[in-house]
Amino acid sequence: MTKYGEDSKKKLIELMEGNQYSFASASKVLNISATVAKRWWKMYQTHGYEGLVMKSKTYTGEFKVYAVKYLHDNHLSINEASAQLGIPSDSTLLNWERTYYEKGEEGLLVENRGRHKIGMHEDSNKPSKKRISKDAEEDLIIEVQRLRAENAYLKKYNALVQEKKNLQAKKKQR
C-alpha cells in the first residue's frame, strides 16, 4: 500500500475546492487513483483537514459492529462509510465486514490481535473450522453488491413515484 504525504492531500483539496477539477482529472495531476482522491475528499468534507492526517488506531468490538451496521443500514459504499466514521483506511472496514459475514457480531467482539497458530482454534489446541472457499466468498460479495444495487434502484424508483404523486397533487390544487 502506498503512503501519501500530507502535501498531496492538501493539493487535492485545493484543486477540488476551486471546482476546476473532477476526481479523475485531479487524481491524474497528482498521480493517484480516483478512488483514493474520493476518499481524501470525503474525509476532508466530514472532518476538515484533521481528517486528512488521521492515524489508524485500535477500535472496540462494539464500534466495529456499529460501523458494519452503519454501512449496511445507510446503504453506503465502504469508502463513504469509512470517511464518515473517521476510519483512515477503507480496507479496515472491508475486513470488519468480511469478519461479520463469516463469524457474525461475535467475531468482531472477540479481541484477536496478534498472530495465531494456523489451523488451530484460538482458545485451545483443537483444529479450527475451515474458512469458506474463495469462490463462495466471491459469490457472496457479488450477491451483496447486486442486492445493494437493487435496493438503490428501488429507492430511486420509489422516490420518482412519490415525486409524480406530489406533482399530480399540486396540479389538482391549481
N, C-alpha and C. Protein backbone atom coordinates (compact mmCIF):
# COMPACT_ATOMS: atom_id res chain seq x y z
N MET A 1 0.84 -1.18 0.00
CA MET A 1 0.00 0.00 0.00
C MET A 1 0.88 1.24 0.00
N THR A 2 0.61 2.14 -0.88
CA THR A 2 1.40 3.36 -1.00
C THR A 2 0.90 4.39 0.01
N LYS A 3 1.85 4.99 0.71
CA LYS A 3 1.51 6.06 1.64
C LYS A 3 1.73 7.40 0.93
N TYR A 4 0.82 8.32 1.13
CA TYR A 4 0.93 9.63 0.50
C TYR A 4 1.13 10.66 1.59
N GLY A 5 1.85 11.71 1.25
CA GLY A 5 2.12 12.76 2.21
C GLY A 5 0.96 13.72 2.37
N GLU A 6 1.03 14.47 3.42
CA GLU A 6 0.01 15.46 3.73
C GLU A 6 -0.06 16.51 2.62
N ASP A 7 1.07 16.81 1.99
CA ASP A 7 1.10 17.82 0.91
C ASP A 7 0.24 17.39 -0.28
N SER A 8 0.30 16.10 -0.63
CA SER A 8 -0.51 15.59 -1.74
C SER A 8 -1.99 15.73 -1.43
N LYS A 9 -2.35 15.44 -0.20
CA LYS A 9 -3.75 15.53 0.21
C LYS A 9 -4.24 16.98 0.17
N LYS A 10 -3.42 17.90 0.66
CA LYS A 10 -3.80 19.31 0.65
C LYS A 10 -3.89 19.84 -0.78
N LYS A 11 -3.01 19.38 -1.65
CA LYS A 11 -3.04 19.81 -3.05
C LYS A 11 -4.34 19.34 -3.71
N LEU A 12 -4.77 18.12 -3.40
CA LEU A 12 -6.03 17.63 -3.95
C LEU A 12 -7.18 18.52 -3.50
N ILE A 13 -7.20 18.88 -2.24
CA ILE A 13 -8.28 19.73 -1.71
C ILE A 13 -8.28 21.07 -2.43
N GLU A 14 -7.11 21.64 -2.64
CA GLU A 14 -7.01 22.91 -3.36
C GLU A 14 -7.58 22.79 -4.78
N LEU A 15 -7.23 21.71 -5.45
CA LEU A 15 -7.71 21.50 -6.82
C LEU A 15 -9.23 21.32 -6.85
N MET A 16 -9.76 20.58 -5.89
CA MET A 16 -11.19 20.26 -5.87
C MET A 16 -12.03 21.45 -5.41
N GLU A 17 -11.53 22.23 -4.47
CA GLU A 17 -12.32 23.35 -3.94
C GLU A 17 -12.59 24.41 -4.98
N GLY A 18 -11.69 24.56 -5.92
CA GLY A 18 -11.88 25.56 -6.96
C GLY A 18 -12.88 25.12 -8.02
N ASN A 19 -13.41 23.92 -7.88
CA ASN A 19 -14.36 23.34 -8.85
C ASN A 19 -13.80 23.34 -10.27
N GLN A 20 -12.48 23.37 -10.39
CA GLN A 20 -11.87 23.34 -11.71
C GLN A 20 -11.56 21.91 -12.14
N TYR A 21 -11.52 21.00 -11.17
CA TYR A 21 -11.09 19.63 -11.44
C TYR A 21 -12.14 18.63 -10.96
N SER A 22 -12.28 17.56 -11.73
CA SER A 22 -13.07 16.41 -11.29
C SER A 22 -12.13 15.49 -10.51
N PHE A 23 -12.69 14.44 -9.88
CA PHE A 23 -11.83 13.47 -9.20
C PHE A 23 -10.83 12.87 -10.18
N ALA A 24 -11.33 12.55 -11.37
CA ALA A 24 -10.47 11.91 -12.36
C ALA A 24 -9.32 12.81 -12.78
N SER A 25 -9.62 14.07 -13.09
CA SER A 25 -8.55 14.97 -13.56
C SER A 25 -7.61 15.35 -12.42
N ALA A 26 -8.14 15.58 -11.23
CA ALA A 26 -7.27 15.92 -10.09
C ALA A 26 -6.36 14.75 -9.74
N SER A 27 -6.91 13.54 -9.81
CA SER A 27 -6.09 12.37 -9.47
C SER A 27 -4.98 12.16 -10.51
N LYS A 28 -5.26 12.50 -11.78
CA LYS A 28 -4.21 12.40 -12.81
C LYS A 28 -3.09 13.40 -12.56
N VAL A 29 -3.49 14.62 -12.17
CA VAL A 29 -2.48 15.65 -11.88
C VAL A 29 -1.56 15.20 -10.75
N LEU A 30 -2.14 14.55 -9.74
CA LEU A 30 -1.37 14.14 -8.56
C LEU A 30 -0.82 12.72 -8.68
N ASN A 31 -1.16 12.03 -9.77
CA ASN A 31 -0.71 10.67 -10.00
C ASN A 31 -1.17 9.71 -8.89
N ILE A 32 -2.45 9.81 -8.56
CA ILE A 32 -3.06 8.91 -7.59
C ILE A 32 -4.34 8.34 -8.21
N SER A 33 -4.91 7.33 -7.60
CA SER A 33 -6.15 6.76 -8.15
C SER A 33 -7.33 7.66 -7.79
N ALA A 34 -8.35 7.61 -8.61
CA ALA A 34 -9.56 8.40 -8.35
C ALA A 34 -10.24 7.94 -7.07
N THR A 35 -10.14 6.66 -6.75
CA THR A 35 -10.72 6.14 -5.51
C THR A 35 -10.05 6.76 -4.30
N VAL A 36 -8.74 6.85 -4.33
CA VAL A 36 -8.00 7.49 -3.23
C VAL A 36 -8.41 8.96 -3.13
N ALA A 37 -8.52 9.61 -4.28
CA ALA A 37 -8.91 11.03 -4.29
C ALA A 37 -10.28 11.21 -3.66
N LYS A 38 -11.22 10.34 -4.01
CA LYS A 38 -12.57 10.44 -3.45
C LYS A 38 -12.53 10.23 -1.94
N ARG A 39 -11.75 9.27 -1.46
CA ARG A 39 -11.67 9.01 -0.02
C ARG A 39 -11.11 10.24 0.71
N TRP A 40 -10.06 10.83 0.17
CA TRP A 40 -9.49 12.03 0.80
C TRP A 40 -10.51 13.15 0.85
N TRP A 41 -11.22 13.34 -0.27
CA TRP A 41 -12.20 14.42 -0.35
C TRP A 41 -13.32 14.20 0.67
N LYS A 42 -13.80 12.96 0.80
CA LYS A 42 -14.86 12.67 1.77
C LYS A 42 -14.36 12.86 3.20
N MET A 43 -13.12 12.44 3.47
CA MET A 43 -12.55 12.64 4.81
C MET A 43 -12.45 14.14 5.11
N TYR A 44 -12.05 14.90 4.11
CA TYR A 44 -11.94 16.35 4.29
C TYR A 44 -13.31 16.97 4.52
N GLN A 45 -14.30 16.59 3.73
CA GLN A 45 -15.64 17.15 3.87
C GLN A 45 -16.24 16.84 5.24
N THR A 46 -15.97 15.65 5.75
CA THR A 46 -16.55 15.22 7.02
C THR A 46 -15.78 15.75 8.22
N HIS A 47 -14.45 15.74 8.14
CA HIS A 47 -13.63 16.03 9.32
C HIS A 47 -12.69 17.22 9.16
N GLY A 48 -12.72 17.91 8.01
CA GLY A 48 -11.81 19.01 7.77
C GLY A 48 -10.39 18.49 7.54
N TYR A 49 -9.41 19.38 7.67
CA TYR A 49 -8.02 18.99 7.43
C TYR A 49 -7.56 17.91 8.40
N GLU A 50 -8.14 17.86 9.60
CA GLU A 50 -7.76 16.83 10.57
C GLU A 50 -8.06 15.43 10.01
N GLY A 51 -9.09 15.34 9.20
CA GLY A 51 -9.45 14.05 8.60
C GLY A 51 -8.40 13.53 7.64
N LEU A 52 -7.56 14.42 7.13
CA LEU A 52 -6.53 14.01 6.18
C LEU A 52 -5.28 13.47 6.87
N VAL A 53 -5.15 13.70 8.16
CA VAL A 53 -3.97 13.25 8.88
C VAL A 53 -4.32 12.26 9.99
N MET A 54 -5.53 11.67 9.92
CA MET A 54 -5.93 10.69 10.93
C MET A 54 -5.01 9.48 10.88
N LYS A 55 -4.69 8.96 12.03
CA LYS A 55 -3.86 7.76 12.13
C LYS A 55 -4.74 6.58 12.50
N SER A 56 -4.32 5.40 12.08
CA SER A 56 -5.04 4.19 12.47
C SER A 56 -4.94 4.02 13.97
N LYS A 57 -5.99 3.44 14.54
CA LYS A 57 -6.00 3.21 15.98
C LYS A 57 -6.68 1.90 16.27
N THR A 58 -6.74 1.55 17.53
CA THR A 58 -7.42 0.33 17.94
C THR A 58 -8.88 0.65 18.19
N TYR A 59 -9.77 -0.17 17.68
CA TYR A 59 -11.20 0.06 17.81
C TYR A 59 -11.81 -1.03 18.68
N THR A 60 -12.84 -0.67 19.42
CA THR A 60 -13.55 -1.64 20.24
C THR A 60 -14.41 -2.52 19.35
N GLY A 61 -14.74 -3.68 19.86
CA GLY A 61 -15.62 -4.59 19.13
C GLY A 61 -16.98 -3.95 18.88
N GLU A 62 -17.47 -3.18 19.86
CA GLU A 62 -18.77 -2.52 19.72
C GLU A 62 -18.74 -1.52 18.58
N PHE A 63 -17.62 -0.79 18.45
CA PHE A 63 -17.50 0.17 17.35
C PHE A 63 -17.48 -0.56 16.00
N LYS A 64 -16.78 -1.68 15.96
CA LYS A 64 -16.70 -2.44 14.70
C LYS A 64 -18.09 -2.90 14.27
N VAL A 65 -18.87 -3.42 15.22
CA VAL A 65 -20.23 -3.87 14.91
C VAL A 65 -21.06 -2.68 14.45
N TYR A 66 -20.95 -1.55 15.18
CA TYR A 66 -21.68 -0.34 14.81
C TYR A 66 -21.31 0.08 13.38
N ALA A 67 -20.02 0.07 13.06
CA ALA A 67 -19.55 0.52 11.75
C ALA A 67 -20.12 -0.34 10.63
N VAL A 68 -20.12 -1.67 10.80
CA VAL A 68 -20.65 -2.56 9.76
C VAL A 68 -22.16 -2.34 9.61
N LYS A 69 -22.87 -2.21 10.73
CA LYS A 69 -24.31 -1.98 10.66
C LYS A 69 -24.62 -0.61 10.04
N TYR A 70 -23.82 0.39 10.38
CA TYR A 70 -23.98 1.73 9.81
C TYR A 70 -23.80 1.68 8.29
N LEU A 71 -22.80 0.94 7.85
CA LEU A 71 -22.54 0.75 6.42
C LEU A 71 -23.77 0.17 5.73
N HIS A 72 -24.34 -0.88 6.30
CA HIS A 72 -25.47 -1.56 5.67
C HIS A 72 -26.77 -0.77 5.82
N ASP A 73 -27.03 -0.25 7.02
CA ASP A 73 -28.28 0.46 7.26
C ASP A 73 -28.42 1.70 6.38
N ASN A 74 -27.30 2.35 6.08
CA ASN A 74 -27.32 3.58 5.29
C ASN A 74 -26.98 3.34 3.83
N HIS A 75 -26.78 2.07 3.47
CA HIS A 75 -26.52 1.69 2.07
C HIS A 75 -25.36 2.51 1.48
N LEU A 76 -24.27 2.55 2.23
CA LEU A 76 -23.10 3.32 1.82
C LEU A 76 -22.05 2.40 1.21
N SER A 77 -21.16 3.00 0.46
CA SER A 77 -20.01 2.25 -0.02
C SER A 77 -19.02 2.16 1.15
N ILE A 78 -18.09 1.24 1.04
CA ILE A 78 -17.05 1.11 2.07
C ILE A 78 -16.32 2.45 2.20
N ASN A 79 -16.03 3.06 1.07
CA ASN A 79 -15.32 4.33 1.03
C ASN A 79 -16.09 5.42 1.78
N GLU A 80 -17.38 5.54 1.51
CA GLU A 80 -18.21 6.58 2.15
C GLU A 80 -18.31 6.35 3.65
N ALA A 81 -18.59 5.12 4.04
CA ALA A 81 -18.75 4.82 5.47
C ALA A 81 -17.44 5.05 6.22
N SER A 82 -16.32 4.63 5.65
CA SER A 82 -15.02 4.84 6.29
C SER A 82 -14.76 6.33 6.52
N ALA A 83 -15.06 7.13 5.52
CA ALA A 83 -14.85 8.57 5.64
C ALA A 83 -15.76 9.16 6.72
N GLN A 84 -17.03 8.79 6.71
CA GLN A 84 -17.98 9.35 7.68
C GLN A 84 -17.65 8.94 9.11
N LEU A 85 -17.12 7.73 9.28
CA LEU A 85 -16.82 7.25 10.62
C LEU A 85 -15.39 7.57 11.06
N GLY A 86 -14.61 8.19 10.18
CA GLY A 86 -13.25 8.58 10.55
C GLY A 86 -12.29 7.42 10.60
N ILE A 87 -12.52 6.41 9.77
CA ILE A 87 -11.61 5.26 9.69
C ILE A 87 -10.67 5.54 8.52
N PRO A 88 -9.39 5.74 8.80
CA PRO A 88 -8.47 6.21 7.76
C PRO A 88 -8.34 5.29 6.55
N SER A 89 -8.47 3.99 6.73
CA SER A 89 -8.30 3.08 5.60
C SER A 89 -9.59 2.30 5.38
N ASP A 90 -10.09 2.34 4.15
CA ASP A 90 -11.33 1.62 3.87
C ASP A 90 -11.14 0.11 3.93
N SER A 91 -9.90 -0.36 3.81
CA SER A 91 -9.67 -1.81 3.91
C SER A 91 -9.95 -2.30 5.33
N THR A 92 -9.81 -1.43 6.31
CA THR A 92 -10.13 -1.80 7.70
C THR A 92 -11.60 -2.17 7.81
N LEU A 93 -12.47 -1.32 7.30
CA LEU A 93 -13.90 -1.58 7.35
C LEU A 93 -14.26 -2.79 6.48
N LEU A 94 -13.60 -2.95 5.36
CA LEU A 94 -13.83 -4.10 4.50
C LEU A 94 -13.53 -5.40 5.25
N ASN A 95 -12.43 -5.42 6.00
CA ASN A 95 -12.08 -6.60 6.79
C ASN A 95 -13.11 -6.87 7.88
N TRP A 96 -13.60 -5.81 8.52
CA TRP A 96 -14.63 -5.98 9.55
C TRP A 96 -15.89 -6.57 8.94
N GLU A 97 -16.25 -6.09 7.75
CA GLU A 97 -17.45 -6.59 7.09
C GLU A 97 -17.29 -8.07 6.76
N ARG A 98 -16.12 -8.46 6.28
CA ARG A 98 -15.85 -9.86 5.96
C ARG A 98 -15.97 -10.72 7.22
N THR A 99 -15.39 -10.24 8.31
CA THR A 99 -15.48 -10.97 9.58
C THR A 99 -16.92 -11.09 10.03
N TYR A 100 -17.68 -10.02 9.86
CA TYR A 100 -19.09 -10.01 10.25
C TYR A 100 -19.86 -11.08 9.48
N TYR A 101 -19.61 -11.22 8.19
CA TYR A 101 -20.29 -12.22 7.39
C TYR A 101 -19.84 -13.64 7.73
N GLU A 102 -18.56 -13.80 8.07
CA GLU A 102 -18.04 -15.13 8.35
C GLU A 102 -18.36 -15.60 9.76
N LYS A 103 -18.28 -14.69 10.75
CA LYS A 103 -18.39 -15.09 12.15
C LYS A 103 -19.49 -14.39 12.91
N GLY A 104 -20.18 -13.45 12.27
CA GLY A 104 -21.23 -12.72 12.95
C GLY A 104 -20.67 -11.65 13.87
N GLU A 105 -21.56 -11.04 14.66
CA GLU A 105 -21.13 -9.98 15.58
C GLU A 105 -20.07 -10.48 16.54
N GLU A 106 -20.20 -11.74 16.98
CA GLU A 106 -19.25 -12.29 17.94
C GLU A 106 -17.81 -12.23 17.41
N GLY A 107 -17.66 -12.40 16.11
CA GLY A 107 -16.33 -12.35 15.51
C GLY A 107 -15.68 -10.99 15.62
N LEU A 108 -16.51 -9.94 15.66
CA LEU A 108 -15.98 -8.59 15.80
C LEU A 108 -15.75 -8.22 17.26
N LEU A 109 -16.47 -8.87 18.14
CA LEU A 109 -16.36 -8.55 19.57
C LEU A 109 -15.17 -9.23 20.23
N VAL A 110 -14.64 -10.28 19.60
CA VAL A 110 -13.50 -11.01 20.16
C VAL A 110 -12.22 -10.25 19.86
N GLU A 111 -11.39 -10.10 20.88
CA GLU A 111 -10.09 -9.45 20.69
C GLU A 111 -9.18 -10.47 20.02
N ASN A 112 -8.79 -10.22 18.78
CA ASN A 112 -7.99 -11.21 18.05
C ASN A 112 -6.73 -10.60 17.45
N ARG A 113 -6.16 -9.65 18.14
CA ARG A 113 -4.93 -9.05 17.65
C ARG A 113 -3.77 -10.00 17.89
N GLY A 114 -2.76 -9.89 17.07
CA GLY A 114 -1.59 -10.75 17.21
C GLY A 114 -1.70 -11.97 16.31
N ARG A 115 -0.69 -12.79 16.36
CA ARG A 115 -0.67 -13.96 15.49
C ARG A 115 -1.24 -15.17 16.21
N HIS A 116 -1.90 -16.01 15.43
CA HIS A 116 -2.45 -17.25 15.95
C HIS A 116 -1.85 -18.39 15.16
N LYS A 117 -1.82 -19.55 15.77
CA LYS A 117 -1.32 -20.72 15.05
C LYS A 117 -2.27 -21.03 13.91
N ILE A 118 -1.72 -21.28 12.76
CA ILE A 118 -2.53 -21.55 11.58
C ILE A 118 -3.23 -22.89 11.76
N GLY A 119 -4.54 -22.90 11.48
CA GLY A 119 -5.29 -24.13 11.55
C GLY A 119 -5.67 -24.55 12.96
N MET A 120 -5.40 -23.72 13.95
CA MET A 120 -5.73 -24.07 15.32
C MET A 120 -6.76 -23.09 15.86
N HIS A 121 -7.63 -23.58 16.72
CA HIS A 121 -8.64 -22.73 17.36
C HIS A 121 -7.93 -21.79 18.32
N GLU A 122 -8.45 -20.57 18.47
CA GLU A 122 -7.79 -19.54 19.27
C GLU A 122 -7.65 -19.93 20.74
N ASP A 123 -8.63 -20.64 21.30
CA ASP A 123 -8.65 -20.90 22.73
C ASP A 123 -8.15 -22.30 23.12
N SER A 124 -7.80 -23.13 22.16
CA SER A 124 -7.40 -24.49 22.52
C SER A 124 -6.45 -25.04 21.47
N ASN A 125 -6.14 -26.30 21.64
CA ASN A 125 -5.29 -26.97 20.66
C ASN A 125 -6.10 -27.69 19.61
N LYS A 126 -7.43 -27.46 19.60
CA LYS A 126 -8.31 -28.09 18.63
C LYS A 126 -8.14 -27.42 17.26
N PRO A 127 -8.17 -28.19 16.19
CA PRO A 127 -8.14 -27.55 14.86
C PRO A 127 -9.37 -26.66 14.69
N SER A 128 -9.18 -25.52 14.04
CA SER A 128 -10.30 -24.60 13.84
C SER A 128 -11.10 -25.02 12.62
N LYS A 129 -12.33 -24.52 12.52
CA LYS A 129 -13.17 -24.80 11.36
C LYS A 129 -12.58 -24.13 10.14
N LYS A 130 -12.78 -24.74 9.00
CA LYS A 130 -12.24 -24.17 7.77
C LYS A 130 -13.03 -22.94 7.36
N ARG A 131 -12.34 -22.01 6.76
CA ARG A 131 -12.99 -20.82 6.20
C ARG A 131 -13.78 -21.22 4.97
N ILE A 132 -14.66 -20.33 4.56
CA ILE A 132 -15.39 -20.59 3.33
C ILE A 132 -14.42 -20.48 2.15
N SER A 133 -14.75 -21.15 1.08
CA SER A 133 -13.86 -21.15 -0.08
C SER A 133 -13.81 -19.76 -0.72
N LYS A 134 -12.78 -19.53 -1.47
CA LYS A 134 -12.61 -18.25 -2.16
C LYS A 134 -13.77 -18.01 -3.11
N ASP A 135 -14.20 -19.06 -3.82
CA ASP A 135 -15.32 -18.93 -4.76
C ASP A 135 -16.60 -18.54 -4.03
N ALA A 136 -16.85 -19.21 -2.89
CA ALA A 136 -18.06 -18.89 -2.12
C ALA A 136 -18.00 -17.45 -1.60
N GLU A 137 -16.83 -17.04 -1.17
CA GLU A 137 -16.66 -15.66 -0.68
C GLU A 137 -16.93 -14.66 -1.81
N GLU A 138 -16.38 -14.93 -2.99
CA GLU A 138 -16.59 -14.05 -4.13
C GLU A 138 -18.06 -14.01 -4.53
N ASP A 139 -18.72 -15.18 -4.48
CA ASP A 139 -20.15 -15.23 -4.78
C ASP A 139 -20.95 -14.39 -3.80
N LEU A 140 -20.59 -14.46 -2.52
CA LEU A 140 -21.29 -13.67 -1.50
C LEU A 140 -21.08 -12.18 -1.73
N ILE A 141 -19.88 -11.80 -2.06
CA ILE A 141 -19.59 -10.38 -2.30
C ILE A 141 -20.38 -9.88 -3.51
N ILE A 142 -20.42 -10.68 -4.57
CA ILE A 142 -21.18 -10.30 -5.77
C ILE A 142 -22.66 -10.17 -5.43
N GLU A 143 -23.17 -11.11 -4.64
CA GLU A 143 -24.58 -11.07 -4.24
C GLU A 143 -24.89 -9.83 -3.41
N VAL A 144 -24.00 -9.48 -2.49
CA VAL A 144 -24.20 -8.27 -1.68
C VAL A 144 -24.21 -7.04 -2.58
N GLN A 145 -23.29 -6.97 -3.52
CA GLN A 145 -23.23 -5.83 -4.43
C GLN A 145 -24.50 -5.76 -5.28
N ARG A 146 -24.99 -6.91 -5.75
CA ARG A 146 -26.20 -6.94 -6.54
C ARG A 146 -27.40 -6.46 -5.72
N LEU A 147 -27.48 -6.94 -4.48
CA LEU A 147 -28.58 -6.53 -3.62
C LEU A 147 -28.53 -5.04 -3.28
N ARG A 148 -27.34 -4.53 -3.07
CA ARG A 148 -27.21 -3.08 -2.82
C ARG A 148 -27.67 -2.28 -4.03
N ALA A 149 -27.28 -2.72 -5.22
CA ALA A 149 -27.69 -2.02 -6.44
C ALA A 149 -29.21 -2.10 -6.61
N GLU A 150 -29.77 -3.28 -6.36
CA GLU A 150 -31.21 -3.45 -6.47
C GLU A 150 -31.93 -2.55 -5.47
N ASN A 151 -31.41 -2.50 -4.26
CA ASN A 151 -32.00 -1.65 -3.22
C ASN A 151 -31.94 -0.18 -3.62
N ALA A 152 -30.80 0.26 -4.15
CA ALA A 152 -30.66 1.65 -4.58
C ALA A 152 -31.63 1.95 -5.72
N TYR A 153 -31.78 1.01 -6.64
CA TYR A 153 -32.71 1.18 -7.76
C TYR A 153 -34.14 1.34 -7.24
N LEU A 154 -34.53 0.48 -6.31
CA LEU A 154 -35.89 0.55 -5.78
C LEU A 154 -36.14 1.84 -5.00
N LYS A 155 -35.13 2.29 -4.28
CA LYS A 155 -35.27 3.57 -3.57
C LYS A 155 -35.48 4.71 -4.56
N LYS A 156 -34.70 4.71 -5.63
CA LYS A 156 -34.82 5.75 -6.65
C LYS A 156 -36.20 5.67 -7.31
N TYR A 157 -36.63 4.47 -7.62
CA TYR A 157 -37.95 4.27 -8.23
C TYR A 157 -39.04 4.80 -7.31
N ASN A 158 -38.98 4.45 -6.04
CA ASN A 158 -39.98 4.94 -5.07
C ASN A 158 -39.96 6.45 -4.96
N ALA A 159 -38.78 7.04 -5.00
CA ALA A 159 -38.67 8.50 -4.94
C ALA A 159 -39.33 9.13 -6.17
N LEU A 160 -39.12 8.53 -7.34
CA LEU A 160 -39.73 9.05 -8.56
C LEU A 160 -41.26 8.91 -8.52
N VAL A 161 -41.75 7.79 -8.02
CA VAL A 161 -43.20 7.59 -7.90
C VAL A 161 -43.78 8.63 -6.95
N GLN A 162 -43.10 8.86 -5.82
CA GLN A 162 -43.57 9.85 -4.85
C GLN A 162 -43.56 11.25 -5.45
N GLU A 163 -42.53 11.55 -6.21
CA GLU A 163 -42.43 12.86 -6.86
C GLU A 163 -43.57 13.05 -7.86
N LYS A 164 -43.90 11.99 -8.60
CA LYS A 164 -45.01 12.05 -9.55
C LYS A 164 -46.33 12.30 -8.83
N LYS A 165 -46.53 11.62 -7.69
CA LYS A 165 -47.75 11.82 -6.90
C LYS A 165 -47.83 13.26 -6.39
N ASN A 166 -46.70 13.79 -5.94
CA ASN A 166 -46.67 15.17 -5.45
C ASN A 166 -47.01 16.15 -6.56
N LEU A 167 -46.49 15.91 -7.77
CA LEU A 167 -46.79 16.79 -8.89
C LEU A 167 -48.28 16.73 -9.26
N GLN A 168 -48.85 15.54 -9.24
CA GLN A 168 -50.27 15.38 -9.53
C GLN A 168 -51.12 16.08 -8.47
N ALA A 169 -50.71 16.00 -7.23
CA ALA A 169 -51.44 16.67 -6.15
C ALA A 169 -51.38 18.19 -6.32
N LYS A 170 -50.23 18.70 -6.75
CA LYS A 170 -50.08 20.14 -6.98
C LYS A 170 -50.97 20.60 -8.13
N LYS A 171 -51.03 19.76 -9.19
CA LYS A 171 -51.88 20.10 -10.34
C LYS A 171 -53.35 20.17 -9.93
N LYS A 172 -53.78 19.26 -9.07
CA LYS A 172 -55.16 19.24 -8.60
C LYS A 172 -55.49 20.49 -7.77
N GLN A 173 -54.49 20.95 -7.02
CA GLN A 173 -54.70 22.15 -6.17
C GLN A 173 -54.86 23.40 -7.03
N ARG A 174 -54.28 23.41 -8.21
CA ARG A 174 -54.36 24.59 -9.07
C ARG A 174 -55.65 24.69 -9.74
